[in-house]
Amino acid sequence: MIIRTTPWLFRYIFPKTVNAIALFPVVLVRNSKLKDDKRLLVHEKIHHKQQLELLVIPFYILYILEYTWFRVAGNGHDSAYRKISFEREAYTHDADPHYVEKRKAFAMWR
């Protein structure tokens, strides 16, 4: 996993609530302090595993489709984001530093 600090990208493109984003094979973080945030890195590693399982591009397509589905269903941004299957798995297991090694394939849909 390659970690890059890109404050300019986060300043101009992403909302202030976004601290990191996994764009395989890189994780972009808002500032250098976040490179040491273990929980954040586990969260992003889970997304890398998900991206690899779906051969990267389909991951992003499904991610956007799920988010759109939940928004159309009447959820606000935060609620729709938290309901995405990829995010549910990542938030549920990001406190476990060993989860990525023991994770079963396609766990986001189990």
PDB file of N, CA and C in Angstrom:
ATOM      1  N   MET A   1       0.849  -1.176   0.000  1.00  0.00           N
ATOM      2  CA  MET A   1       0.000   0.000   0.000  1.00  0.00           C
ATOM      3  C   MET A   1       0.890   1.233   0.000  1.00  0.00           C
ATOM      4  N   ILE A   2       0.642   2.111  -0.932  1.00  0.00           N
ATOM      5  CA  ILE A   2       1.390   3.357  -1.056  1.00  0.00           C
ATOM      6  C   ILE A   2       0.546   4.464  -0.441  1.00  0.00           C
ATOM      7  N   ILE A   3       1.128   5.227   0.475  1.00  0.00           N
ATOM      8  CA  ILE A   3       0.400   6.310   1.130  1.00  0.00           C
ATOM      9  C   ILE A   3       0.994   7.633   0.676  1.00  0.00           C
ATOM     10  N   ARG A   4       0.152   8.512   0.194  1.00  0.00           N
ATOM     11  CA  ARG A   4       0.583   9.831  -0.282  1.00  0.00           C
ATOM     12  C   ARG A   4      -0.208  10.911   0.451  1.00  0.00           C
ATOM     13  N   THR A   5       0.498  11.923   0.892  1.00  0.00           N
ATOM     14  CA  THR A   5      -0.145  13.086   1.498  1.00  0.00           C
ATOM     15  C   THR A   5      -0.430  14.089   0.387  1.00  0.00           C
ATOM     16  N   THR A   6      -1.686  14.443   0.233  1.00  0.00           N
ATOM     17  CA  THR A   6      -2.075  15.361  -0.839  1.00  0.00           C
ATOM     18  C   THR A   6      -3.039  16.420  -0.302  1.00  0.00           C
ATOM     19  N   PRO A   7      -2.536  17.343   0.529  1.00  0.00           N
ATOM     20  CA  PRO A   7      -3.444  18.337   1.119  1.00  0.00           C
ATOM     21  C   PRO A   7      -4.150  19.209   0.088  1.00  0.00           C
ATOM     22  N   TRP A   8      -3.509  19.512  -1.010  1.00  0.00           N
ATOM     23  CA  TRP A   8      -4.131  20.364  -2.041  1.00  0.00           C
ATOM     24  C   TRP A   8      -5.359  19.689  -2.641  1.00  0.00           C
ATOM     25  N   LEU A   9      -5.275  18.353  -2.833  1.00  0.00           N
ATOM     26  CA  LEU A   9      -6.394  17.614  -3.399  1.00  0.00           C
ATOM     27  C   LEU A   9      -7.595  17.659  -2.453  1.00  0.00           C
ATOM     28  N   PHE A  10      -7.322  17.485  -1.179  1.00  0.00           N
ATOM     29  CA  PHE A  10      -8.400  17.498  -0.193  1.00  0.00           C
ATOM     30  C   PHE A  10      -8.941  18.908   0.010  1.00  0.00           C
ATOM     31  N   ARG A  11      -8.124  19.889  -0.155  1.00  0.00           N
ATOM     32  CA  ARG A  11      -8.564  21.275   0.009  1.00  0.00           C
ATOM     33  C   ARG A  11      -9.529  21.680  -1.091  1.00  0.00           C
ATOM     34  N   TYR A  12      -9.290  21.235  -2.309  1.00  0.00           N
ATOM     35  CA  TYR A  12     -10.064  21.708  -3.450  1.00  0.00           C
ATOM     36  C   TYR A  12     -11.124  20.741  -3.972  1.00  0.00           C
ATOM     37  N   ILE A  13     -11.002  19.449  -3.674  1.00  0.00           N
ATOM     38  CA  ILE A  13     -11.918  18.478  -4.273  1.00  0.00           C
ATOM     39  C   ILE A  13     -12.839  17.804  -3.255  1.00  0.00           C
ATOM     40  N   PHE A  14     -12.284  17.364  -2.136  1.00  0.00           N
ATOM     41  CA  PHE A  14     -13.071  16.589  -1.180  1.00  0.00           C
ATOM     42  C   PHE A  14     -13.607  17.462  -0.047  1.00  0.00           C
ATOM     43  N   PRO A  15     -14.775  17.092   0.506  1.00  0.00           N
ATOM     44  CA  PRO A  15     -15.299  17.829   1.658  1.00  0.00           C
ATOM     45  C   PRO A  15     -14.364  17.681   2.864  1.00  0.00           C
ATOM     46  N   LYS A  16     -14.503  18.541   3.834  1.00  0.00           N
ATOM     47  CA  LYS A  16     -13.633  18.532   5.013  1.00  0.00           C
ATOM     48  C   LYS A  16     -13.776  17.263   5.840  1.00  0.00           C
ATOM     49  N   THR A  17     -14.867  16.546   5.668  1.00  0.00           N
ATOM     50  CA  THR A  17     -15.081  15.315   6.436  1.00  0.00           C
ATOM     51  C   THR A  17     -14.282  14.136   5.884  1.00  0.00           C
ATOM     52  N   VAL A  18     -13.731  14.256   4.688  1.00  0.00           N
ATOM     53  CA  VAL A  18     -12.961  13.171   4.072  1.00  0.00           C
ATOM     54  C   VAL A  18     -11.490  13.335   4.449  1.00  0.00           C
ATOM     55  N   ASN A  19     -10.953  12.326   5.147  1.00  0.00           N
ATOM     56  CA  ASN A  19      -9.544  12.365   5.555  1.00  0.00           C
ATOM     57  C   ASN A  19      -8.648  11.490   4.701  1.00  0.00           C
ATOM     58  N   ALA A  20      -9.231  10.505   4.036  1.00  0.00           N
ATOM     59  CA  ALA A  20      -8.438   9.594   3.212  1.00  0.00           C
ATOM     60  C   ALA A  20      -9.338   8.967   2.159  1.00  0.00           C
ATOM     61  N   ILE A  21      -8.685   8.490   1.099  1.00  0.00           N
ATOM     62  CA  ILE A  21      -9.417   7.784   0.044  1.00  0.00           C
ATOM     63  C   ILE A  21      -8.490   6.734  -0.563  1.00  0.00           C
ATOM     64  N   ALA A  22      -9.030   5.543  -0.760  1.00  0.00           N
ATOM     65  CA  ALA A  22      -8.265   4.444  -1.358  1.00  0.00           C
ATOM     66  C   ALA A  22      -8.540   4.422  -2.859  1.00  0.00           C
ATOM     67  N   LEU A  23      -7.528   4.725  -3.614  1.00  0.00           N
ATOM     68  CA  LEU A  23      -7.591   4.645  -5.082  1.00  0.00           C
ATOM     69  C   LEU A  23      -6.484   3.680  -5.486  1.00  0.00           C
ATOM     70  N   PHE A  24      -6.842   2.425  -5.590  1.00  0.00           N
ATOM     71  CA  PHE A  24      -5.852   1.366  -5.772  1.00  0.00           C
ATOM     72  C   PHE A  24      -4.805   1.734  -6.820  1.00  0.00           C
ATOM     73  N   PRO A  25      -3.531   1.587  -6.492  1.00  0.00           N
ATOM     74  CA  PRO A  25      -2.891   1.002  -5.317  1.00  0.00           C
ATOM     75  C   PRO A  25      -2.464   2.025  -4.262  1.00  0.00           C
ATOM     76  N   VAL A  26      -3.014   3.215  -4.321  1.00  0.00           N
ATOM     77  CA  VAL A  26      -2.583   4.307  -3.452  1.00  0.00           C
ATOM     78  C   VAL A  26      -3.673   4.645  -2.441  1.00  0.00           C
ATOM     79  N   VAL A  27      -3.244   5.105  -1.271  1.00  0.00           N
ATOM     80  CA  VAL A  27      -4.151   5.718  -0.309  1.00  0.00           C
ATOM     81  C   VAL A  27      -3.717   7.170  -0.197  1.00  0.00           C
ATOM     82  N   LEU A  28      -4.641   8.063  -0.480  1.00  0.00           N
ATOM     83  CA  LEU A  28      -4.363   9.487  -0.364  1.00  0.00           C
ATOM     84  C   LEU A  28      -4.894   9.960   0.980  1.00  0.00           C
ATOM     85  N   VAL A  29      -4.050  10.693   1.728  1.00  0.00           N
ATOM     86  CA  VAL A  29      -4.464  11.208   3.029  1.00  0.00           C
ATOM     87  C   VAL A  29      -4.367  12.724   3.045  1.00  0.00           C
ATOM     88  N   ARG A  30      -5.222  13.315   3.868  1.00  0.00           N
ATOM     89  CA  ARG A  30      -5.314  14.769   3.950  1.00  0.00           C
ATOM     90  C   ARG A  30      -4.012  15.398   4.462  1.00  0.00           C
ATOM     91  N   ASN A  31      -3.412  14.799   5.508  1.00  0.00           N
ATOM     92  CA  ASN A  31      -2.161  15.348   6.049  1.00  0.00           C
ATOM     93  C   ASN A  31      -1.265  14.239   6.573  1.00  0.00           C
ATOM     94  N   SER A  32      -0.014  14.567   6.828  1.00  0.00           N
ATOM     95  CA  SER A  32       0.983  13.551   7.194  1.00  0.00           C
ATOM     96  C   SER A  32       0.682  12.879   8.534  1.00  0.00           C
ATOM     97  N   LYS A  33      -0.037  13.525   9.430  1.00  0.00           N
ATOM     98  CA  LYS A  33      -0.387  12.906  10.718  1.00  0.00           C
ATOM     99  C   LYS A  33      -1.236  11.658  10.513  1.00  0.00           C
ATOM    100  N   LEU A  34      -2.035  11.656   9.472  1.00  0.00           N
ATOM    101  CA  LEU A  34      -2.933  10.531   9.221  1.00  0.00           C
ATOM    102  C   LEU A  34      -2.201   9.276   8.752  1.00  0.00           C
ATOM    103  N   LYS A  35      -0.965   9.418   8.316  1.00  0.00           N
ATOM    104  CA  LYS A  35      -0.182   8.247   7.895  1.00  0.00           C
ATOM    105  C   LYS A  35       0.058   7.282   9.053  1.00  0.00           C
ATOM    106  N   ASP A  36      -0.064   7.770  10.273  1.00  0.00           N
ATOM    107  CA  ASP A  36       0.158   6.945  11.462  1.00  0.00           C
ATOM    108  C   ASP A  36      -1.138   6.498  12.132  1.00  0.00           C
ATOM    109  N   ASP A  37      -2.270   6.839  11.568  1.00  0.00           N
ATOM    110  CA  ASP A  37      -3.561   6.469  12.143  1.00  0.00           C
ATOM    111  C   ASP A  37      -3.872   5.021  11.759  1.00  0.00           C
ATOM    112  N   LYS A  38      -3.648   4.118  12.693  1.00  0.00           N
ATOM    113  CA  LYS A  38      -3.780   2.677  12.428  1.00  0.00           C
ATOM    114  C   LYS A  38      -5.185   2.299  11.978  1.00  0.00           C
ATOM    115  N   ARG A  39      -6.177   2.845  12.650  1.00  0.00           N
ATOM    116  CA  ARG A  39      -7.558   2.500  12.310  1.00  0.00           C
ATOM    117  C   ARG A  39      -7.913   2.978  10.897  1.00  0.00           C
ATOM    118  N   LEU A  40      -7.500   4.170  10.563  1.00  0.00           N
ATOM    119  CA  LEU A  40      -7.745   4.710   9.227  1.00  0.00           C
ATOM    120  C   LEU A  40      -7.070   3.848   8.159  1.00  0.00           C
ATOM    121  N   LEU A  41      -5.846   3.422   8.427  1.00  0.00           N
ATOM    122  CA  LEU A  41      -5.120   2.606   7.451  1.00  0.00           C
ATOM    123  C   LEU A  41      -5.745   1.226   7.277  1.00  0.00           C
ATOM    124  N   VAL A  42      -6.233   0.634   8.366  1.00  0.00           N
ATOM    125  CA  VAL A  42      -6.933  -0.657   8.249  1.00  0.00           C
ATOM    126  C   VAL A  42      -8.195  -0.465   7.406  1.00  0.00           C
ATOM    127  N   HIS A  43      -8.923   0.607   7.662  1.00  0.00           N
ATOM    128  CA  HIS A  43     -10.131   0.918   6.892  1.00  0.00           C
ATOM    129  C   HIS A  43      -9.809   0.974   5.399  1.00  0.00           C
ATOM    130  N   GLU A  44      -8.747   1.676   5.048  1.00  0.00           N
ATOM    131  CA  GLU A  44      -8.374   1.820   3.639  1.00  0.00           C
ATOM    132  C   GLU A  44      -7.811   0.513   3.059  1.00  0.00           C
ATOM    133  N   LYS A  45      -7.137  -0.290   3.873  1.00  0.00           N
ATOM    134  CA  LYS A  45      -6.658  -1.604   3.408  1.00  0.00           C
ATOM    135  C   LYS A  45      -7.837  -2.511   3.067  1.00  0.00           C
ATOM    136  N   ILE A  46      -8.892  -2.423   3.863  1.00  0.00           N
ATOM    137  CA  ILE A  46     -10.100  -3.201   3.574  1.00  0.00           C
ATOM    138  C   ILE A  46     -10.650  -2.791   2.209  1.00  0.00           C
ATOM    139  N   HIS A  47     -10.664  -1.490   1.941  1.00  0.00           N
ATOM    140  CA  HIS A  47     -11.130  -1.029   0.629  1.00  0.00           C
ATOM    141  C   HIS A  47     -10.219  -1.532  -0.494  1.00  0.00           C
ATOM    142  N   HIS A  48      -8.926  -1.592  -0.258  1.00  0.00           N
ATOM    143  CA  HIS A  48      -8.021  -2.137  -1.282  1.00  0.00           C
ATOM    144  C   HIS A  48      -8.359  -3.594  -1.578  1.00  0.00           C
ATOM    145  N   LYS A  49      -8.633  -4.379  -0.545  1.00  0.00           N
ATOM    146  CA  LYS A  49      -9.010  -5.779  -0.751  1.00  0.00           C
ATOM    147  C   LYS A  49     -10.302  -5.871  -1.565  1.00  0.00           C
ATOM    148  N   GLN A  50     -11.263  -5.038  -1.228  1.00  0.00           N
ATOM    149  CA  GLN A  50     -12.525  -5.022  -1.953  1.00  0.00           C
ATOM    150  C   GLN A  50     -12.292  -4.662  -3.425  1.00  0.00           C
ATOM    151  N   GLN A  51     -11.453  -3.670  -3.644  1.00  0.00           N
ATOM    152  CA  GLN A  51     -11.160  -3.225  -5.007  1.00  0.00           C
ATOM    153  C   GLN A  51     -10.495  -4.329  -5.815  1.00  0.00           C
ATOM    154  N   LEU A  52      -9.554  -5.047  -5.214  1.00  0.00           N
ATOM    155  CA  LEU A  52      -8.888  -6.148  -5.909  1.00  0.00           C
ATOM    156  C   LEU A  52      -9.863  -7.265  -6.258  1.00  0.00           C
ATOM    157  N   GLU A  53     -10.741  -7.611  -5.330  1.00  0.00           N
ATOM    158  CA  GLU A  53     -11.715  -8.670  -5.579  1.00  0.00           C
ATOM    159  C   GLU A  53     -12.616  -8.347  -6.769  1.00  0.00           C
ATOM    160  N   LEU A  54     -12.937  -7.079  -6.924  1.00  0.00           N
ATOM    161  CA  LEU A  54     -13.851  -6.672  -7.998  1.00  0.00           C
ATOM    162  C   LEU A  54     -13.107  -6.114  -9.206  1.00  0.00           C
ATOM    163  N   LEU A  55     -11.792  -6.291  -9.229  1.00  0.00           N
ATOM    164  CA  LEU A  55     -10.956  -5.841 -10.340  1.00  0.00           C
ATOM    165  C   LEU A  55     -11.012  -4.321 -10.539  1.00  0.00           C
ATOM    166  N   VAL A  56     -11.037  -3.605  -9.445  1.00  0.00           N
ATOM    167  CA  VAL A  56     -10.927  -2.153  -9.306  1.00  0.00           C
ATOM    168  C   VAL A  56     -12.099  -1.367  -9.907  1.00  0.00           C
ATOM    169  N   ILE A  57     -12.206  -1.280 -11.219  1.00  0.00           N
ATOM    170  CA  ILE A  57     -13.227  -0.418 -11.838  1.00  0.00           C
ATOM    171  C   ILE A  57     -14.651  -0.810 -11.419  1.00  0.00           C
ATOM    172  N   PRO A  58     -15.025  -2.089 -11.434  1.00  0.00           N
ATOM    173  CA  PRO A  58     -16.373  -2.450 -10.974  1.00  0.00           C
ATOM    174  C   PRO A  58     -16.637  -2.026  -9.520  1.00  0.00           C
ATOM    175  N   PHE A  59     -15.587  -2.019  -8.689  1.00  0.00           N
ATOM    176  CA  PHE A  59     -15.749  -1.541  -7.311  1.00  0.00           C
ATOM    177  C   PHE A  59     -16.300  -0.121  -7.307  1.00  0.00           C
ATOM    178  N   TYR A  60     -15.665   0.752  -8.082  1.00  0.00           N
ATOM    179  CA  TYR A  60     -16.091   2.159  -8.103  1.00  0.00           C
ATOM    180  C   TYR A  60     -17.490   2.317  -8.686  1.00  0.00           C
ATOM    181  N   ILE A  61     -17.811   1.526  -9.685  1.00  0.00           N
ATOM    182  CA  ILE A  61     -19.146   1.584 -10.286  1.00  0.00           C
ATOM    183  C   ILE A  61     -20.200   1.164  -9.262  1.00  0.00           C
ATOM    184  N   LEU A  62     -19.957   0.026  -8.595  1.00  0.00           N
ATOM    185  CA  LEU A  62     -20.901  -0.455  -7.588  1.00  0.00           C
ATOM    186  C   LEU A  62     -21.003   0.507  -6.411  1.00  0.00           C
ATOM    187  N   TYR A  63     -19.890   1.089  -6.025  1.00  0.00           N
ATOM    188  CA  TYR A  63     -19.868   2.046  -4.917  1.00  0.00           C
ATOM    189  C   TYR A  63     -20.788   3.223  -5.241  1.00  0.00           C
ATOM    190  N   ILE A  64     -20.629   3.781  -6.420  1.00  0.00           N
ATOM    191  CA  ILE A  64     -21.443   4.934  -6.834  1.00  0.00           C
ATOM    192  C   ILE A  64     -22.909   4.537  -6.987  1.00  0.00           C
ATOM    193  N   LEU A  65     -23.173   3.349  -7.538  1.00  0.00           N
ATOM    194  CA  LEU A  65     -24.556   2.892  -7.691  1.00  0.00           C
ATOM    195  C   LEU A  65     -25.241   2.709  -6.337  1.00  0.00           C
ATOM    196  N   GLU A  66     -24.524   2.107  -5.378  1.00  0.00           N
ATOM    197  CA  GLU A  66     -25.110   1.922  -4.048  1.00  0.00           C
ATOM    198  C   GLU A  66     -25.391   3.269  -3.390  1.00  0.00           C
ATOM    199  N   TYR A  67     -24.431   4.168  -3.459  1.00  0.00           N
ATOM    200  CA  TYR A  67     -24.614   5.488  -2.863  1.00  0.00           C
ATOM    201  C   TYR A  67     -25.827   6.186  -3.493  1.00  0.00           C
ATOM    202  N   THR A  68     -25.913   6.141  -4.810  1.00  0.00           N
ATOM    203  CA  THR A  68     -27.030   6.773  -5.517  1.00  0.00           C
ATOM    204  C   THR A  68     -28.358   6.138  -5.112  1.00  0.00           C
ATOM    205  N   TRP A  69     -28.382   4.820  -5.025  1.00  0.00           N
ATOM    206  CA  TRP A  69     -29.590   4.103  -4.626  1.00  0.00           C
ATOM    207  C   TRP A  69     -30.079   4.590  -3.258  1.00  0.00           C
ATOM    208  N   PHE A  70     -29.175   4.678  -2.299  1.00  0.00           N
ATOM    209  CA  PHE A  70     -29.565   5.097  -0.960  1.00  0.00           C
ATOM    210  C   PHE A  70     -29.983   6.567  -0.913  1.00  0.00           C
ATOM    211  N   ARG A  71     -29.374   7.404  -1.725  1.00  0.00           N
ATOM    212  CA  ARG A  71     -29.780   8.814  -1.795  1.00  0.00           C
ATOM    213  C   ARG A  71     -31.172   8.944  -2.399  1.00  0.00           C
ATOM    214  N   VAL A  72     -31.413   8.218  -3.495  1.00  0.00           N
ATOM    215  CA  VAL A  72     -32.734   8.255  -4.142  1.00  0.00           C
ATOM    216  C   VAL A  72     -33.806   7.719  -3.188  1.00  0.00           C
ATOM    217  N   ALA A  73     -33.418   6.793  -2.334  1.00  0.00           N
ATOM    218  CA  ALA A  73     -34.357   6.217  -1.363  1.00  0.00           C
ATOM    219  C   ALA A  73     -34.672   7.193  -0.232  1.00  0.00           C
ATOM    220  N   GLY A  74     -34.060   8.371  -0.250  1.00  0.00           N
ATOM    221  CA  GLY A  74     -34.401   9.389   0.729  1.00  0.00           C
ATOM    222  C   GLY A  74     -33.411   9.591   1.856  1.00  0.00           C
ATOM    223  N   ASN A  75     -32.274   8.909   1.804  1.00  0.00           N
ATOM    224  CA  ASN A  75     -31.261   9.068   2.841  1.00  0.00           C
ATOM    225  C   ASN A  75     -30.427  10.315   2.577  1.00  0.00           C
ATOM    226  N   GLY A  76     -29.979  10.948   3.637  1.00  0.00           N
ATOM    227  CA  GLY A  76     -29.045  12.058   3.516  1.00  0.00           C
ATOM    228  C   GLY A  76     -27.663  11.524   3.145  1.00  0.00           C
ATOM    229  N   HIS A  77     -26.736  12.425   2.886  1.00  0.00           N
ATOM    230  CA  HIS A  77     -25.393  12.015   2.462  1.00  0.00           C
ATOM    231  C   HIS A  77     -24.743  11.063   3.455  1.00  0.00           C
ATOM    232  N   ASP A  78     -24.684  11.438   4.733  1.00  0.00           N
ATOM    233  CA  ASP A  78     -23.998  10.605   5.722  1.00  0.00           C
ATOM    234  C   ASP A  78     -24.634   9.232   5.867  1.00  0.00           C
ATOM    235  N   SER A  79     -25.958   9.196   5.898  1.00  0.00           N
ATOM    236  CA  SER A  79     -26.665   7.931   6.023  1.00  0.00           C
ATOM    237  C   SER A  79     -26.436   7.047   4.796  1.00  0.00           C
ATOM    238  N   ALA A  80     -26.535   7.627   3.618  1.00  0.00           N
ATOM    239  CA  ALA A  80     -26.319   6.867   2.381  1.00  0.00           C
ATOM    240  C   ALA A  80     -24.893   6.322   2.334  1.00  0.00           C
ATOM    241  N   TYR A  81     -23.934   7.140   2.707  1.00  0.00           N
ATOM    242  CA  TYR A  81     -22.522   6.726   2.720  1.00  0.00           C
ATOM    243  C   TYR A  81     -22.302   5.554   3.672  1.00  0.00           C
ATOM    244  N   ARG A  82     -22.876   5.630   4.866  1.00  0.00           N
ATOM    245  CA  ARG A  82     -22.686   4.566   5.864  1.00  0.00           C
ATOM    246  C   ARG A  82     -23.399   3.274   5.489  1.00  0.00           C
ATOM    247  N   LYS A  83     -24.407   3.351   4.621  1.00  0.00           N
ATOM    248  CA  LYS A  83     -25.147   2.153   4.210  1.00  0.00           C
ATOM    249  C   LYS A  83     -24.486   1.403   3.049  1.00  0.00           C
ATOM    250  N   ILE A  84     -23.528   1.996   2.400  1.00  0.00           N
ATOM    251  CA  ILE A  84     -22.834   1.321   1.298  1.00  0.00           C
ATOM    252  C   ILE A  84     -22.172   0.069   1.857  1.00  0.00           C
ATOM    253  N   SER A  85     -22.361  -1.061   1.196  1.00  0.00           N
ATOM    254  CA  SER A  85     -21.846  -2.342   1.707  1.00  0.00           C
ATOM    255  C   SER A  85     -20.340  -2.301   1.959  1.00  0.00           C
ATOM    256  N   PHE A  86     -19.600  -1.622   1.107  1.00  0.00           N
ATOM    257  CA  PHE A  86     -18.143  -1.532   1.264  1.00  0.00           C
ATOM    258  C   PHE A  86     -17.782  -0.756   2.531  1.00  0.00           C
ATOM    259  N   GLU A  87     -18.524   0.293   2.810  1.00  0.00           N
ATOM    260  CA  GLU A  87     -18.265   1.095   4.009  1.00  0.00           C
ATOM    261  C   GLU A  87     -18.712   0.376   5.271  1.00  0.00           C
ATOM    262  N   ARG A  88     -19.827  -0.351   5.189  1.00  0.00           N
ATOM    263  CA  ARG A  88     -20.288  -1.106   6.367  1.00  0.00           C
ATOM    264  C   ARG A  88     -19.221  -2.082   6.816  1.00  0.00           C
ATOM    265  N   GLU A  89     -18.655  -2.819   5.859  1.00  0.00           N
ATOM    266  CA  GLU A  89     -17.601  -3.768   6.225  1.00  0.00           C
ATOM    267  C   GLU A  89     -16.394  -3.039   6.794  1.00  0.00           C
ATOM    268  N   ALA A  90     -15.947  -1.989   6.141  1.00  0.00           N
ATOM    269  CA  ALA A  90     -14.743  -1.280   6.579  1.00  0.00           C
ATOM    270  C   ALA A  90     -14.925  -0.665   7.967  1.00  0.00           C
ATOM    271  N   TYR A  91     -16.065  -0.033   8.222  1.00  0.00           N
ATOM    272  CA  TYR A  91     -16.290   0.565   9.542  1.00  0.00           C
ATOM    273  C   TYR A  91     -16.478  -0.491  10.628  1.00  0.00           C
ATOM    274  N   THR A  92     -17.077  -1.608  10.283  1.00  0.00           N
ATOM    275  CA  THR A  92     -17.296  -2.672  11.262  1.00  0.00           C
ATOM    276  C   THR A  92     -15.980  -3.284  11.731  1.00  0.00           C
ATOM    277  N   HIS A  93     -14.984  -3.368  10.837  1.00  0.00           N
ATOM    278  CA  HIS A  93     -13.762  -4.110  11.154  1.00  0.00           C
ATOM    279  C   HIS A  93     -12.485  -3.271  11.218  1.00  0.00           C
ATOM    280  N   ASP A  94     -12.593  -1.953  11.091  1.00  0.00           N
ATOM    281  CA  ASP A  94     -11.354  -1.158  11.045  1.00  0.00           C
ATOM    282  C   ASP A  94     -10.612  -1.070  12.381  1.00  0.00           C
ATOM    283  N   ALA A  95     -11.233  -1.500  13.466  1.00  0.00           N
ATOM    284  CA  ALA A  95     -10.543  -1.508  14.761  1.00  0.00           C
ATOM    285  C   ALA A  95      -9.693  -2.759  14.949  1.00  0.00           C
ATOM    286  N   ASP A  96      -9.854  -3.734  14.078  1.00  0.00           N
ATOM    287  CA  ASP A  96      -9.112  -5.003  14.173  1.00  0.00           C
ATOM    288  C   ASP A  96      -7.929  -4.965  13.214  1.00  0.00           C
ATOM    289  N   PRO A  97      -6.707  -4.803  13.734  1.00  0.00           N
ATOM    290  CA  PRO A  97      -5.531  -4.684  12.860  1.00  0.00           C
ATOM    291  C   PRO A  97      -5.221  -5.958  12.068  1.00  0.00           C
ATOM    292  N   HIS A  98      -5.819  -7.086  12.454  1.00  0.00           N
ATOM    293  CA  HIS A  98      -5.556  -8.360  11.770  1.00  0.00           C
ATOM    294  C   HIS A  98      -6.694  -8.773  10.836  1.00  0.00           C
ATOM    295  N   TYR A  99      -7.717  -7.950  10.750  1.00  0.00           N
ATOM    296  CA  TYR A  99      -8.885  -8.319   9.948  1.00  0.00           C
ATOM    297  C   TYR A  99      -8.539  -8.570   8.479  1.00  0.00           C
ATOM    298  N   VAL A 100      -7.708  -7.749   7.899  1.00  0.00           N
ATOM    299  CA  VAL A 100      -7.403  -7.873   6.465  1.00  0.00           C
ATOM    300  C   VAL A 100      -6.798  -9.241   6.164  1.00  0.00           C
ATOM    301  N   GLU A 101      -5.947  -9.746   7.060  1.00  0.00           N
ATOM    302  CA  GLU A 101      -5.310 -11.054   6.833  1.00  0.00           C
ATOM    303  C   GLU A 101      -6.297 -12.212   6.950  1.00  0.00           C
ATOM    304  N   LYS A 102      -7.283 -12.094   7.831  1.00  0.00           N
ATOM    305  CA  LYS A 102      -8.233 -13.203   8.041  1.00  0.00           C
ATOM    306  C   LYS A 102      -9.554 -13.023   7.288  1.00  0.00           C
ATOM    307  N   ARG A 103      -9.691 -11.930   6.592  1.00  0.00           N
ATOM    308  CA  ARG A 103     -10.914 -11.594   5.868  1.00  0.00           C
ATOM    309  C   ARG A 103     -11.213 -12.618   4.771  1.00  0.00           C
ATOM    310  N   LYS A 104     -12.473 -13.017   4.675  1.00  0.00           N
ATOM    311  CA  LYS A 104     -12.892 -13.932   3.610  1.00  0.00           C
ATOM    312  C   LYS A 104     -13.269 -13.117   2.380  1.00  0.00           C
ATOM    313  N   ALA A 105     -13.108 -13.730   1.220  1.00  0.00           N
ATOM    314  CA  ALA A 105     -13.420 -13.054  -0.043  1.00  0.00           C
ATOM    315  C   ALA A 105     -14.878 -12.603  -0.075  1.00  0.00           C
ATOM    316  N   PHE A 106     -15.090 -11.424  -0.621  1.00  0.00           N
ATOM    317  CA  PHE A 106     -16.408 -10.833  -0.803  1.00  0.00           C
ATOM    318  C   PHE A 106     -17.169 -10.697   0.527  1.00  0.00           C
ATOM    319  N   ALA A 107     -16.428 -10.434   1.580  1.00  0.00           N
ATOM    320  CA  ALA A 107     -17.024 -10.300   2.922  1.00  0.00           C
ATOM    321  C   ALA A 107     -17.990  -9.132   3.018  1.00  0.00           C
ATOM    322  N   MET A 108     -17.881  -8.174   2.117  1.00  0.00           N
ATOM    323  CA  MET A 108     -18.788  -7.019   2.172  1.00  0.00           C
ATOM    324  C   MET A 108     -20.219  -7.420   1.866  1.00  0.00           C
ATOM    325  N   TRP A 109     -20.435  -8.595   1.291  1.00  0.00           N
ATOM    326  CA  TRP A 109     -21.782  -9.052   0.977  1.00  0.00           C
ATOM    327  C   TRP A 109     -22.201 -10.259   1.778  1.00  0.00           C
ATOM    328  N   ARG A 110     -21.488 -10.584   2.815  1.00  0.00           N
ATOM    329  CA  ARG A 110     -21.854 -11.741   3.665  1.00  0.00           C
ATOM    330  C   ARG A 110     -22.715 -11.293   4.818  1.00  0.00           C
TER     331      ARG A 110
END
